């Protein structure tokens, strides 16, 4: 028996199992809306900020001087 979950896009009850090819969404429409939101960068995955380009360039220059 498939588990019933809420579609993350529209909130409609939908089966979460192999017979639902759009899972966890209820339909292709909801799946495509979600994909479009990712493409438009409406969702972001948090990440730690890395070194700035200036810091990287400075470190590269230091390494170059050491090697020559």
C-alpha atoms as a PDB file:
ATOM      1  CA  UNK A   1       0.000   0.000   0.000  1.00  0.00           C
ATOM      2  CA  UNK A   2       1.402   3.366  -1.046  1.00  0.00           C
ATOM      3  CA  UNK A   3       1.910   6.148   1.460  1.00  0.00           C
ATOM      4  CA  UNK A   4      -0.283   9.250   1.016  1.00  0.00           C
ATOM      5  CA  UNK A   5       1.597  12.571   1.081  1.00  0.00           C
ATOM      6  CA  UNK A   6       0.778  16.182   0.246  1.00  0.00           C
ATOM      7  CA  UNK A   7       2.014  17.392  -3.140  1.00  0.00           C
ATOM      8  CA  UNK A   8       4.738  19.936  -2.315  1.00  0.00           C
ATOM      9  CA  UNK A   9       3.461  22.233  -5.076  1.00  0.00           C
ATOM     10  CA  UNK A  10      -0.331  22.305  -4.686  1.00  0.00           C
ATOM     11  CA  UNK A  11      -0.961  20.463  -1.405  1.00  0.00           C
ATOM     12  CA  UNK A  12      -3.238  17.814  -2.933  1.00  0.00           C
ATOM     13  CA  UNK A  13      -3.112  14.311  -1.396  1.00  0.00           C
ATOM     14  CA  UNK A  14      -1.121  11.999  -3.657  1.00  0.00           C
ATOM     15  CA  UNK A  15       0.292   8.485  -3.498  1.00  0.00           C
ATOM     16  CA  UNK A  16       4.015   8.216  -2.839  1.00  0.00           C
ATOM     17  CA  UNK A  17       4.924   4.971  -4.505  1.00  0.00           C
ATOM     18  CA  UNK A  18       6.363   3.493  -7.697  1.00  0.00           C
ATOM     19  CA  UNK A  19       3.008   3.747  -9.469  1.00  0.00           C
ATOM     20  CA  UNK A  20       3.156   7.571  -9.261  1.00  0.00           C
ATOM     21  CA  UNK A  21       5.801   8.527 -11.825  1.00  0.00           C
ATOM     22  CA  UNK A  22       5.652  12.182 -10.702  1.00  0.00           C
ATOM     23  CA  UNK A  23       6.280  11.522  -6.998  1.00  0.00           C
ATOM     24  CA  UNK A  24       6.437  13.410  -4.730  1.00  0.00           C
ATOM     25  CA  UNK A  25       4.222  15.581  -6.952  1.00  0.00           C
ATOM     26  CA  UNK A  26       0.631  14.766  -7.872  1.00  0.00           C
ATOM     27  CA  UNK A  27       1.016  15.492 -11.590  1.00  0.00           C
ATOM     28  CA  UNK A  28       3.387  16.410 -14.382  1.00  0.00           C
ATOM     29  CA  UNK A  29       2.115  19.994 -14.131  1.00  0.00           C
ATOM     30  CA  UNK A  30       3.188  20.355 -10.487  1.00  0.00           C
ATOM     31  CA  UNK A  31       6.514  18.678 -11.255  1.00  0.00           C
ATOM     32  CA  UNK A  32       7.208  21.129 -14.105  1.00  0.00           C
ATOM     33  CA  UNK A  33       6.192  24.159 -12.032  1.00  0.00           C
ATOM     34  CA  UNK A  34       8.727  23.087  -9.391  1.00  0.00           C
ATOM     35  CA  UNK A  35      11.426  22.549 -12.028  1.00  0.00           C
ATOM     36  CA  UNK A  36      10.738  26.022 -13.431  1.00  0.00           C
ATOM     37  CA  UNK A  37      11.129  27.554  -9.976  1.00  0.00           C
ATOM     38  CA  UNK A  38      14.554  25.914  -9.635  1.00  0.00           C
ATOM     39  CA  UNK A  39      15.514  27.178 -13.108  1.00  0.00           C
ATOM     40  CA  UNK A  40      14.461  30.721 -12.149  1.00  0.00           C
ATOM     41  CA  UNK A  41      16.588  30.408  -8.984  1.00  0.00           C
ATOM     42  CA  UNK A  42      13.597  30.864  -6.678  1.00  0.00           C
ATOM     43  CA  UNK A  43      15.087  28.091  -4.524  1.00  0.00           C
ATOM     44  CA  UNK A  44      18.609  28.260  -3.153  1.00  0.00           C
ATOM     45  CA  UNK A  45      20.707  25.696  -1.347  1.00  0.00           C
ATOM     46  CA  UNK A  46      22.571  27.324   1.536  1.00  0.00           C
ATOM     47  CA  UNK A  47      26.335  27.153   1.290  1.00  0.00           C
ATOM     48  CA  UNK A  48      29.285  28.590   3.112  1.00  0.00           C
ATOM     49  CA  UNK A  49      30.884  31.505   1.341  1.00  0.00           C
ATOM     50  CA  UNK A  50      34.274  30.636  -0.091  1.00  0.00           C
ATOM     51  CA  UNK A  51      37.325  32.864  -0.406  1.00  0.00           C
ATOM     52  CA  UNK A  52      36.989  35.951  -2.565  1.00  0.00           C
ATOM     53  CA  UNK A  53      38.597  36.062  -5.991  1.00  0.00           C
ATOM     54  CA  UNK A  54      41.073  38.661  -4.673  1.00  0.00           C
ATOM     55  CA  UNK A  55      42.112  36.324  -1.837  1.00  0.00           C
ATOM     56  CA  UNK A  56      42.582  33.448  -4.279  1.00  0.00           C
ATOM     57  CA  UNK A  57      44.626  35.631  -6.656  1.00  0.00           C
ATOM     58  CA  UNK A  58      46.788  36.838  -3.762  1.00  0.00           C
ATOM     59  CA  UNK A  59      47.425  33.269  -2.599  1.00  0.00           C
ATOM     60  CA  UNK A  60      48.265  32.183  -6.157  1.00  0.00           C
ATOM     61  CA  UNK A  61      50.737  35.064  -6.461  1.00  0.00           C
ATOM     62  CA  UNK A  62      52.413  34.061  -3.175  1.00  0.00           C
ATOM     63  CA  UNK A  63      52.728  30.472  -4.390  1.00  0.00           C
ATOM     64  CA  UNK A  64      54.168  31.625  -7.726  1.00  0.00           C
ATOM     65  CA  UNK A  65      56.828  33.705  -5.939  1.00  0.00           C
ATOM     66  CA  UNK A  66      57.805  30.749  -3.743  1.00  0.00           C
ATOM     67  CA  UNK A  67      58.238  28.476  -6.759  1.00  0.00           C
ATOM     68  CA  UNK A  68      60.361  30.936  -8.762  1.00  0.00           C
END
